[in-house]
């Protein structure tokens, strides 16, 4: 995934043939924007704002210096915009696309409350 953060690299063995364990990934640069993420329904938010502004996808793409096909994919939800593109869209359409993690409502169950499903749980669902 483009916006993902690499935590570990895994290799089967080193040059000598000895098995390797996981090694930590390279640290991110201090200026990397790791504390921001794109809102979940970005495509719908962009489409509604674009239509409200009376712009076609091609006109919007031209204004923010992106390709029309890329904007079609973003608006349809097939591709998540990069933070750079999201910032340009925010500025052009006067919308909010970027938020800090945990600042908005989350549909994800809390890690503390997560319980690993058992085989019995899976059989009960059938």
Protein backbone atom coordinates (compact mmCIF):
# COMPACT_ATOMS: atom_id res chain seq x y z
CA UNK A 1 0.00 0.00 0.00
CA UNK A 2 1.37 3.40 -0.87
CA UNK A 3 0.73 5.09 2.46
CA UNK A 4 1.79 2.10 4.57
CA UNK A 5 4.61 2.10 7.09
CA UNK A 6 7.18 -0.71 6.88
CA UNK A 7 7.83 -2.13 10.32
CA UNK A 8 10.09 -5.08 9.50
CA UNK A 9 11.74 -6.67 6.51
CA UNK A 10 11.85 -10.47 6.37
CA UNK A 11 14.42 -12.55 4.54
CA UNK A 12 14.90 -16.32 4.49
CA UNK A 13 18.69 -16.31 4.84
CA UNK A 14 21.75 -14.12 4.46
CA UNK A 15 24.58 -14.58 1.95
CA UNK A 16 26.21 -17.31 4.08
CA UNK A 17 23.02 -19.39 4.12
CA UNK A 18 22.32 -18.86 7.84
CA UNK A 19 18.66 -18.15 8.64
CA UNK A 20 17.84 -14.56 9.50
CA UNK A 21 15.42 -13.06 11.95
CA UNK A 22 13.32 -9.99 11.27
CA UNK A 23 15.34 -6.80 11.07
CA UNK A 24 13.85 -3.39 11.86
CA UNK A 25 12.95 -1.16 8.95
CA UNK A 26 14.79 2.08 8.33
CA UNK A 27 13.40 4.89 10.48
CA UNK A 28 11.24 7.46 8.73
CA UNK A 29 12.67 10.94 8.27
CA UNK A 30 11.65 13.35 11.03
CA UNK A 31 9.74 15.51 8.55
CA UNK A 32 7.62 12.55 7.33
CA UNK A 33 3.91 13.16 7.91
CA UNK A 34 3.16 10.01 9.90
CA UNK A 35 0.54 11.64 12.09
CA UNK A 36 -1.99 12.30 9.32
CA UNK A 37 -4.39 10.09 7.42
CA UNK A 38 -7.05 10.43 4.75
CA UNK A 39 -10.71 10.30 5.85
CA UNK A 40 -12.53 7.05 5.05
CA UNK A 41 -15.09 8.28 2.50
CA UNK A 42 -12.67 10.47 0.52
CA UNK A 43 -14.23 9.72 -2.89
CA UNK A 44 -17.72 10.78 -1.88
CA UNK A 45 -16.46 13.92 -0.10
CA UNK A 46 -14.44 14.97 -3.17
CA UNK A 47 -17.29 14.23 -5.62
CA UNK A 48 -19.86 16.23 -3.63
CA UNK A 49 -17.52 19.20 -3.20
CA UNK A 50 -16.53 19.14 -6.89
CA UNK A 51 -20.17 19.05 -8.00
CA UNK A 52 -21.05 21.85 -5.57
CA UNK A 53 -18.24 23.93 -7.11
CA UNK A 54 -19.62 23.20 -10.59
CA UNK A 55 -16.41 21.59 -11.87
CA UNK A 56 -15.84 18.55 -14.04
CA UNK A 57 -13.25 16.01 -12.95
CA UNK A 58 -10.96 17.19 -15.75
CA UNK A 59 -11.28 20.83 -14.68
CA UNK A 60 -10.49 19.92 -11.07
CA UNK A 61 -7.52 17.79 -12.17
CA UNK A 62 -6.19 20.67 -14.24
CA UNK A 63 -6.53 23.12 -11.34
CA UNK A 64 -4.51 20.94 -8.96
CA UNK A 65 -2.03 19.81 -11.65
CA UNK A 66 -3.02 16.11 -11.64
CA UNK A 67 -4.15 13.76 -14.40
CA UNK A 68 -7.85 13.24 -15.08
CA UNK A 69 -7.60 9.44 -14.90
CA UNK A 70 -5.96 9.68 -11.48
CA UNK A 71 -8.76 11.96 -10.27
CA UNK A 72 -11.41 9.56 -11.66
CA UNK A 73 -9.83 6.71 -9.68
CA UNK A 74 -9.65 8.77 -6.49
CA UNK A 75 -13.23 10.00 -6.77
CA UNK A 76 -14.56 6.51 -7.45
CA UNK A 77 -12.73 5.22 -4.37
CA UNK A 78 -10.45 2.85 -6.28
CA UNK A 79 -7.28 4.72 -5.27
CA UNK A 80 -6.55 6.62 -2.06
CA UNK A 81 -5.03 10.03 -2.78
CA UNK A 82 -1.53 10.77 -1.54
CA UNK A 83 -1.24 13.26 1.30
CA UNK A 84 0.15 15.78 -1.19
CA UNK A 85 -2.84 15.37 -3.52
CA UNK A 86 -5.26 15.43 -0.58
CA UNK A 87 -3.77 18.73 0.59
CA UNK A 88 -4.20 20.22 -2.90
CA UNK A 89 -7.82 19.00 -3.00
CA UNK A 90 -8.51 20.43 0.45
CA UNK A 91 -7.22 23.81 -0.62
CA UNK A 92 -9.02 23.86 -3.98
CA UNK A 93 -12.39 22.50 -2.79
CA UNK A 94 -12.30 23.92 0.77
CA UNK A 95 -12.98 20.53 2.36
CA UNK A 96 -11.34 18.38 5.04
CA UNK A 97 -9.68 15.20 3.76
CA UNK A 98 -6.81 14.82 6.22
CA UNK A 99 -7.20 14.13 9.91
CA UNK A 100 -5.01 13.03 12.76
CA UNK A 101 -5.48 9.37 13.76
CA UNK A 102 -7.93 9.01 16.61
CA UNK A 103 -9.40 12.48 16.13
CA UNK A 104 -12.57 11.28 14.44
CA UNK A 105 -15.04 8.50 15.11
CA UNK A 106 -13.60 5.07 14.50
CA UNK A 107 -15.36 1.92 13.34
CA UNK A 108 -12.46 -0.21 14.53
CA UNK A 109 -12.83 -2.18 17.74
CA UNK A 110 -10.44 -1.11 20.46
CA UNK A 111 -7.34 -3.29 20.74
CA UNK A 112 -8.04 -3.75 24.47
CA UNK A 113 -11.49 -5.17 23.72
CA UNK A 114 -10.36 -7.43 20.87
CA UNK A 115 -10.83 -11.12 21.52
CA UNK A 116 -9.30 -13.66 19.15
CA UNK A 117 -12.15 -15.75 17.66
CA UNK A 118 -12.15 -19.40 18.61
CA UNK A 119 -13.17 -22.36 16.47
CA UNK A 120 -16.40 -22.53 18.50
CA UNK A 121 -17.17 -18.88 17.61
CA UNK A 122 -16.71 -19.64 13.91
CA UNK A 123 -18.97 -22.70 14.06
CA UNK A 124 -21.70 -20.70 15.83
CA UNK A 125 -21.78 -18.24 12.91
CA UNK A 126 -22.74 -20.97 10.44
